[in-house]
Amino acid sequence: MNGLMNQNKMSRYTATMTIYIDAYNDKHAVSKAKLIAERERYRYPNQDCAVEKIHSTPFASFNIREVDINKVECSSTLDNEWANESE
């Protein structure tokens, strides 16, 4: 019986994912990333999903920079307001 119980026991894994997000600025990118993580936590409540890092990665460019997600405040504004804000 112990062998059967060991076969049904779940093991813990870490999955690293890359999601490319189109956003107007750093604040918008952080907001969208956190929304995606929140939706995943809602769909799978026993599994943790968190935004750990965000990088600005312009298409066809080597000018990559890390966005400090702790310094970027997320506010609940409409998407069309993002276009009016500058970085």
Protein backbone atom coordinates (compact mmCIF):
# COMPACT_ATOMS: atom_id res chain seq x y z
CA MET A 1 0.00 0.00 0.00
CA ASN A 2 2.89 2.41 0.66
CA GLY A 3 4.02 2.07 -2.94
CA LEU A 4 0.56 3.10 -4.17
CA MET A 5 0.50 6.17 -1.92
CA ASN A 6 3.94 7.29 -3.16
CA GLN A 7 2.79 7.04 -6.78
CA ASN A 8 -0.13 9.42 -6.14
CA LYS A 9 1.95 12.02 -4.28
CA MET A 10 2.47 15.25 -6.18
CA SER A 11 5.95 16.71 -6.61
CA ARG A 12 6.63 20.44 -6.78
CA TYR A 13 8.07 22.05 -9.92
CA THR A 14 8.96 25.57 -10.99
CA ALA A 15 8.01 26.67 -14.50
CA THR A 16 9.73 29.72 -15.93
CA MET A 17 7.69 31.46 -18.62
CA THR A 18 8.34 34.32 -21.01
CA ILE A 19 5.39 36.48 -22.03
CA TYR A 20 5.83 39.29 -24.53
CA ILE A 21 3.52 42.21 -23.64
CA ASP A 22 2.78 45.21 -25.82
CA ALA A 23 2.41 48.30 -23.64
CA TYR A 24 2.55 52.08 -23.90
CA ASN A 25 5.09 52.52 -21.09
CA ASP A 26 6.65 50.84 -18.03
CA LYS A 27 3.60 51.44 -15.87
CA HIS A 28 1.28 49.89 -18.43
CA ALA A 29 3.58 46.85 -18.85
CA VAL A 30 3.70 46.24 -15.09
CA SER A 31 -0.07 46.59 -14.84
CA LYS A 32 -0.68 44.09 -17.66
CA ALA A 33 1.84 41.59 -16.27
CA LYS A 34 0.27 41.73 -12.80
CA LEU A 35 -3.18 41.28 -14.32
CA ILE A 36 -2.01 38.15 -16.16
CA ALA A 37 -0.50 36.75 -12.93
CA GLU A 38 -3.71 37.52 -11.04
CA ARG A 39 -5.81 35.70 -13.65
CA GLU A 40 -3.53 32.65 -13.43
CA ARG A 41 -3.84 32.61 -9.61
CA TYR A 42 -7.62 32.79 -9.99
CA ARG A 43 -7.66 29.89 -12.47
CA TYR A 44 -5.24 27.77 -10.41
CA PRO A 45 -5.69 28.87 -6.75
CA ASN A 46 -3.33 26.25 -5.28
CA GLN A 47 -0.46 27.38 -7.50
CA ASP A 48 1.43 30.64 -7.10
CA CYS A 49 2.04 32.89 -10.08
CA ALA A 50 3.97 36.11 -9.56
CA VAL A 51 5.65 38.79 -11.64
CA GLU A 52 9.35 38.64 -10.76
CA LYS A 53 11.04 40.68 -13.49
CA ILE A 54 10.08 42.79 -16.47
CA HIS A 55 12.42 43.90 -19.24
CA SER A 56 11.87 46.45 -21.97
CA THR A 57 12.84 44.55 -25.13
CA PRO A 58 12.30 46.67 -28.25
CA PHE A 59 11.80 44.62 -31.40
CA ALA A 60 15.05 43.97 -33.33
CA SER A 61 17.14 45.85 -30.79
CA PHE A 62 19.87 45.00 -28.30
CA ASN A 63 18.81 47.94 -26.12
CA ILE A 64 17.26 45.80 -23.37
CA ARG A 65 16.71 47.25 -19.90
CA GLU A 66 15.19 45.89 -16.72
CA VAL A 67 12.13 47.69 -15.37
CA ASP A 68 12.13 48.12 -11.59
CA ILE A 69 8.65 46.82 -10.82
CA ASN A 70 8.94 47.99 -7.20
CA LYS A 71 9.28 51.63 -8.30
CA VAL A 72 6.51 51.59 -10.89
CA GLU A 73 3.13 52.31 -9.37
CA CYS A 74 0.12 50.65 -10.95
CA SER A 75 -3.11 52.57 -10.96
CA SER A 76 -6.52 51.54 -12.23
CA THR A 77 -6.84 53.74 -15.33
CA LEU A 78 -8.33 53.03 -18.69
CA ASP A 79 -6.13 51.74 -21.50
CA ASN A 80 -6.69 54.83 -23.66
CA GLU A 81 -5.21 56.98 -20.87
CA TRP A 82 -1.90 55.12 -21.15
CA ALA A 83 -1.27 56.66 -24.56
CA ASN A 84 -1.34 60.16 -23.03
CA GLU A 85 1.35 59.44 -20.42
CA SER A 86 5.04 59.71 -21.13
CA GLU A 87 7.73 57.50 -19.63
